[in-house]
Every structure is written in structure tokens, then in C-alpha cells.
Amino acid sequence: MKAFIAAIVVAVAVAAGAAYVLDNRFQMTSPEAFTTEGARPNSPGGNLVQF
């Protein structure tokens, strides 16, 4: 039983650490992420087709 509880605690700690790292280190907006010559979204929402 102790091993099972320890595994749950470790799994929760790893999940919380991964969520923190992914949210604060790797997440960026689309203008920051797509800065190549093929795609330059400089005004989000401004390039939508209007009917």
C-alpha cells in the first residue's frame, strides 16, 4: 500500500511539474511561434474573410 501511495504522489508531482514547464516555458502566441517567411501573422483576426 505504501508503494501505491508513493507512486500516486510521484505521478501527481510529475504532472504538476510538466504542466508548469509547458505553460510557462514552451507556450507562445502564434505571431511569436510562426515567424518564418511563409507565415507572418502580424494582426491576429485581421486576415479573416469578410462576407
PDB file of N, CA and C in Angstrom:
ATOM      1  N   MET A   1       0.823  -1.198   0.000  1.00  0.00           N
ATOM      2  CA  MET A   1       0.000   0.000   0.000  1.00  0.00           C
ATOM      3  C   MET A   1       0.863   1.256   0.000  1.00  0.00           C
ATOM      4  N   LYS A   2       1.993   1.213   0.702  1.00  0.00           N
ATOM      5  CA  LYS A   2       2.875   2.373   0.747  1.00  0.00           C
ATOM      6  C   LYS A   2       3.444   2.674  -0.636  1.00  0.00           C
ATOM      7  N   ALA A   3       3.759   1.631  -1.386  1.00  0.00           N
ATOM      8  CA  ALA A   3       4.312   1.833  -2.725  1.00  0.00           C
ATOM      9  C   ALA A   3       3.275   2.449  -3.652  1.00  0.00           C
ATOM     10  N   PHE A   4       2.027   2.043  -3.514  1.00  0.00           N
ATOM     11  CA  PHE A   4       0.961   2.598  -4.348  1.00  0.00           C
ATOM     12  C   PHE A   4       0.757   4.084  -4.055  1.00  0.00           C
ATOM     13  N   ILE A   5       0.728   4.453  -2.802  1.00  0.00           N
ATOM     14  CA  ILE A   5       0.560   5.860  -2.430  1.00  0.00           C
ATOM     15  C   ILE A   5       1.763   6.678  -2.878  1.00  0.00           C
ATOM     16  N   ALA A   6       2.955   6.110  -2.752  1.00  0.00           N
ATOM     17  CA  ALA A   6       4.154   6.805  -3.220  1.00  0.00           C
ATOM     18  C   ALA A   6       4.101   7.004  -4.733  1.00  0.00           C
ATOM     19  N   ALA A   7       3.617   6.025  -5.459  1.00  0.00           N
ATOM     20  CA  ALA A   7       3.502   6.149  -6.913  1.00  0.00           C
ATOM     21  C   ALA A   7       2.506   7.236  -7.287  1.00  0.00           C
ATOM     22  N   ILE A   8       1.400   7.330  -6.571  1.00  0.00           N
ATOM     23  CA  ILE A   8       0.413   8.370  -6.838  1.00  0.00           C
ATOM     24  C   ILE A   8       1.008   9.752  -6.562  1.00  0.00           C
ATOM     25  N   VAL A   9       1.734   9.890  -5.469  1.00  0.00           N
ATOM     26  CA  VAL A   9       2.353  11.172  -5.130  1.00  0.00           C
ATOM     27  C   VAL A   9       3.369  11.571  -6.193  1.00  0.00           C
ATOM     28  N   VAL A  10       4.179  10.618  -6.640  1.00  0.00           N
ATOM     29  CA  VAL A  10       5.173  10.913  -7.675  1.00  0.00           C
ATOM     30  C   VAL A  10       4.486  11.273  -8.993  1.00  0.00           C
ATOM     31  N   ALA A  11       3.422  10.566  -9.349  1.00  0.00           N
ATOM     32  CA  ALA A  11       2.707  10.863 -10.588  1.00  0.00           C
ATOM     33  C   ALA A  11       2.096  12.260 -10.554  1.00  0.00           C
ATOM     34  N   VAL A  12       1.531  12.654  -9.427  1.00  0.00           N
ATOM     35  CA  VAL A  12       0.960  13.990  -9.296  1.00  0.00           C
ATOM     36  C   VAL A  12       2.057  15.049  -9.364  1.00  0.00           C
ATOM     37  N   ALA A  13       3.189  14.793  -8.730  1.00  0.00           N
ATOM     38  CA  ALA A  13       4.298  15.748  -8.761  1.00  0.00           C
ATOM     39  C   ALA A  13       4.850  15.906 -10.177  1.00  0.00           C
ATOM     40  N   VAL A  14       4.987  14.803 -10.902  1.00  0.00           N
ATOM     41  CA  VAL A  14       5.490  14.872 -12.278  1.00  0.00           C
ATOM     42  C   VAL A  14       4.491  15.608 -13.164  1.00  0.00           C
ATOM     43  N   ALA A  15       3.211  15.350 -12.994  1.00  0.00           N
ATOM     44  CA  ALA A  15       2.190  16.033 -13.796  1.00  0.00           C
ATOM     45  C   ALA A  15       2.168  17.527 -13.502  1.00  0.00           C
ATOM     46  N   ALA A  16       2.283  17.910 -12.243  1.00  0.00           N
ATOM     47  CA  ALA A  16       2.297  19.331 -11.895  1.00  0.00           C
ATOM     48  C   ALA A  16       3.545  20.008 -12.444  1.00  0.00           C
ATOM     49  N   GLY A  17       4.677  19.350 -12.363  1.00  0.00           N
ATOM     50  CA  GLY A  17       5.912  19.908 -12.910  1.00  0.00           C
ATOM     51  C   GLY A  17       5.846  20.053 -14.416  1.00  0.00           C
ATOM     52  N   ALA A  18       5.306  19.056 -15.097  1.00  0.00           N
ATOM     53  CA  ALA A  18       5.177  19.129 -16.558  1.00  0.00           C
ATOM     54  C   ALA A  18       4.223  20.240 -16.963  1.00  0.00           C
ATOM     55  N   ALA A  19       3.119  20.394 -16.261  1.00  0.00           N
ATOM     56  CA  ALA A  19       2.166  21.462 -16.578  1.00  0.00           C
ATOM     57  C   ALA A  19       2.808  22.829 -16.385  1.00  0.00           C
ATOM     58  N   TYR A  20       3.581  23.002 -15.325  1.00  0.00           N
ATOM     59  CA  TYR A  20       4.256  24.273 -15.080  1.00  0.00           C
ATOM     60  C   TYR A  20       5.259  24.577 -16.191  1.00  0.00           C
ATOM     61  N   VAL A  21       6.071  23.596 -16.541  1.00  0.00           N
ATOM     62  CA  VAL A  21       7.096  23.808 -17.570  1.00  0.00           C
ATOM     63  C   VAL A  21       6.455  24.083 -18.924  1.00  0.00           C
ATOM     64  N   LEU A  22       5.441  23.327 -19.290  1.00  0.00           N
ATOM     65  CA  LEU A  22       4.817  23.518 -20.595  1.00  0.00           C
ATOM     66  C   LEU A  22       4.056  24.832 -20.691  1.00  0.00           C
ATOM     67  N   ASP A  23       3.423  25.267 -19.610  1.00  0.00           N
ATOM     68  CA  ASP A  23       2.666  26.514 -19.645  1.00  0.00           C
ATOM     69  C   ASP A  23       3.570  27.739 -19.623  1.00  0.00           C
ATOM     70  N   ASN A  24       4.658  27.684 -18.891  1.00  0.00           N
ATOM     71  CA  ASN A  24       5.472  28.875 -18.704  1.00  0.00           C
ATOM     72  C   ASN A  24       6.698  28.945 -19.597  1.00  0.00           C
ATOM     73  N   ARG A  25       7.142  27.849 -20.155  1.00  0.00           N
ATOM     74  CA  ARG A  25       8.376  27.856 -20.932  1.00  0.00           C
ATOM     75  C   ARG A  25       8.164  27.668 -22.429  1.00  0.00           C
ATOM     76  N   PHE A  26       7.216  26.847 -22.838  1.00  0.00           N
ATOM     77  CA  PHE A  26       7.082  26.490 -24.232  1.00  0.00           C
ATOM     78  C   PHE A  26       5.865  27.082 -24.915  1.00  0.00           C
ATOM     79  N   GLN A  27       4.954  27.650 -24.177  1.00  0.00           N
ATOM     80  CA  GLN A  27       3.742  28.192 -24.775  1.00  0.00           C
ATOM     81  C   GLN A  27       4.000  29.607 -25.261  1.00  0.00           C
ATOM     82  N   MET A  28       3.595  29.891 -26.507  1.00  0.00           N
ATOM     83  CA  MET A  28       3.759  31.224 -27.074  1.00  0.00           C
ATOM     84  C   MET A  28       2.601  31.513 -28.013  1.00  0.00           C
ATOM     85  N   THR A  29       2.426  32.773 -28.317  1.00  0.00           N
ATOM     86  CA  THR A  29       1.349  33.165 -29.221  1.00  0.00           C
ATOM     87  C   THR A  29       1.715  32.812 -30.656  1.00  0.00           C
ATOM     88  N   SER A  30       0.739  32.813 -31.543  1.00  0.00           N
ATOM     89  CA  SER A  30       1.006  32.441 -32.925  1.00  0.00           C
ATOM     90  C   SER A  30       1.938  33.414 -33.640  1.00  0.00           C
ATOM     91  N   PRO A  31       1.868  34.743 -33.421  1.00  0.00           N
ATOM     92  CA  PRO A  31       2.865  35.597 -34.072  1.00  0.00           C
ATOM     93  C   PRO A  31       4.296  35.310 -33.608  1.00  0.00           C
ATOM     94  N   GLU A  32       4.456  34.873 -32.374  1.00  0.00           N
ATOM     95  CA  GLU A  32       5.787  34.516 -31.895  1.00  0.00           C
ATOM     96  C   GLU A  32       6.224  33.164 -32.444  1.00  0.00           C
ATOM     97  N   ALA A  33       5.301  32.230 -32.568  1.00  0.00           N
ATOM     98  CA  ALA A  33       5.649  30.874 -32.985  1.00  0.00           C
ATOM     99  C   ALA A  33       5.914  30.782 -34.481  1.00  0.00           C
ATOM    100  N   PHE A  34       5.141  31.475 -35.294  1.00  0.00           N
ATOM    101  CA  PHE A  34       5.249  31.370 -36.743  1.00  0.00           C
ATOM    102  C   PHE A  34       5.882  32.645 -37.304  1.00  0.00           C
ATOM    103  N   THR A  35       7.193  32.743 -37.202  1.00  0.00           N
ATOM    104  CA  THR A  35       7.890  33.930 -37.668  1.00  0.00           C
ATOM    105  C   THR A  35       8.779  33.620 -38.867  1.00  0.00           C
ATOM    106  N   THR A  36       8.405  32.626 -39.656  1.00  0.00           N
ATOM    107  CA  THR A  36       9.170  32.315 -40.859  1.00  0.00           C
ATOM    108  C   THR A  36       8.686  33.187 -42.009  1.00  0.00           C
ATOM    109  N   GLU A  37       9.324  33.071 -43.155  1.00  0.00           N
ATOM    110  CA  GLU A  37       8.934  33.882 -44.296  1.00  0.00           C
ATOM    111  C   GLU A  37       7.595  33.453 -44.879  1.00  0.00           C
ATOM    112  N   GLY A  38       7.208  32.181 -44.675  1.00  0.00           N
ATOM    113  CA  GLY A  38       5.969  31.678 -45.251  1.00  0.00           C
ATOM    114  C   GLY A  38       4.731  32.114 -44.513  1.00  0.00           C
ATOM    115  N   ALA A  39       4.842  32.401 -43.240  1.00  0.00           N
ATOM    116  CA  ALA A  39       3.664  32.775 -42.454  1.00  0.00           C
ATOM    117  C   ALA A  39       4.047  33.870 -41.476  1.00  0.00           C
ATOM    118  N   ARG A  40       3.429  35.015 -41.621  1.00  0.00           N
ATOM    119  CA  ARG A  40       3.693  36.129 -40.710  1.00  0.00           C
ATOM    120  C   ARG A  40       2.371  36.716 -40.224  1.00  0.00           C
ATOM    121  N   PRO A  41       1.772  36.108 -39.222  1.00  0.00           N
ATOM    122  CA  PRO A  41       0.510  36.654 -38.695  1.00  0.00           C
ATOM    123  C   PRO A  41       0.781  37.853 -37.788  1.00  0.00           C
ATOM    124  N   ASN A  42       0.751  39.056 -38.348  1.00  0.00           N
ATOM    125  CA  ASN A  42       1.078  40.231 -37.545  1.00  0.00           C
ATOM    126  C   ASN A  42      -0.138  40.835 -36.848  1.00  0.00           C
ATOM    127  N   SER A  43      -1.327  40.618 -37.366  1.00  0.00           N
ATOM    128  CA  SER A  43      -2.524  41.114 -36.695  1.00  0.00           C
ATOM    129  C   SER A  43      -3.531  39.968 -36.604  1.00  0.00           C
ATOM    130  N   PRO A  44      -3.568  39.274 -35.492  1.00  0.00           N
ATOM    131  CA  PRO A  44      -4.481  38.140 -35.351  1.00  0.00           C
ATOM    132  C   PRO A  44      -5.937  38.573 -35.547  1.00  0.00           C
ATOM    133  N   GLY A  45      -6.635  37.872 -36.423  1.00  0.00           N
ATOM    134  CA  GLY A  45      -8.028  38.183 -36.701  1.00  0.00           C
ATOM    135  C   GLY A  45      -8.207  39.148 -37.842  1.00  0.00           C
ATOM    136  N   GLY A  46      -7.153  39.811 -38.269  1.00  0.00           N
ATOM    137  CA  GLY A  46      -7.263  40.783 -39.335  1.00  0.00           C
ATOM    138  C   GLY A  46      -7.254  40.169 -40.724  1.00  0.00           C
ATOM    139  N   ASN A  47      -6.862  38.919 -40.839  1.00  0.00           N
ATOM    140  CA  ASN A  47      -6.782  38.295 -42.147  1.00  0.00           C
ATOM    141  C   ASN A  47      -7.955  37.350 -42.420  1.00  0.00           C
ATOM    142  N   LEU A  48      -9.050  37.543 -41.736  1.00  0.00           N
ATOM    143  CA  LEU A  48     -10.223  36.695 -41.925  1.00  0.00           C
ATOM    144  C   LEU A  48     -11.052  37.187 -43.106  1.00  0.00           C
ATOM    145  N   VAL A  49     -11.708  36.264 -43.782  1.00  0.00           N
ATOM    146  CA  VAL A  49     -12.540  36.598 -44.929  1.00  0.00           C
ATOM    147  C   VAL A  49     -13.838  37.212 -44.420  1.00  0.00           C
ATOM    148  N   GLN A  50     -14.203  38.352 -44.976  1.00  0.00           N
ATOM    149  CA  GLN A  50     -15.423  39.037 -44.574  1.00  0.00           C
ATOM    150  C   GLN A  50     -16.475  38.861 -45.658  1.00  0.00           C
ATOM    151  N   PHE A  51     -17.686  38.476 -45.290  1.00  0.00           N
ATOM    152  CA  PHE A  51     -18.782  38.303 -46.244  1.00  0.00           C
ATOM    153  C   PHE A  51     -19.771  39.399 -46.100  1.00  0.00           C
TER     154      PHE A  51
END
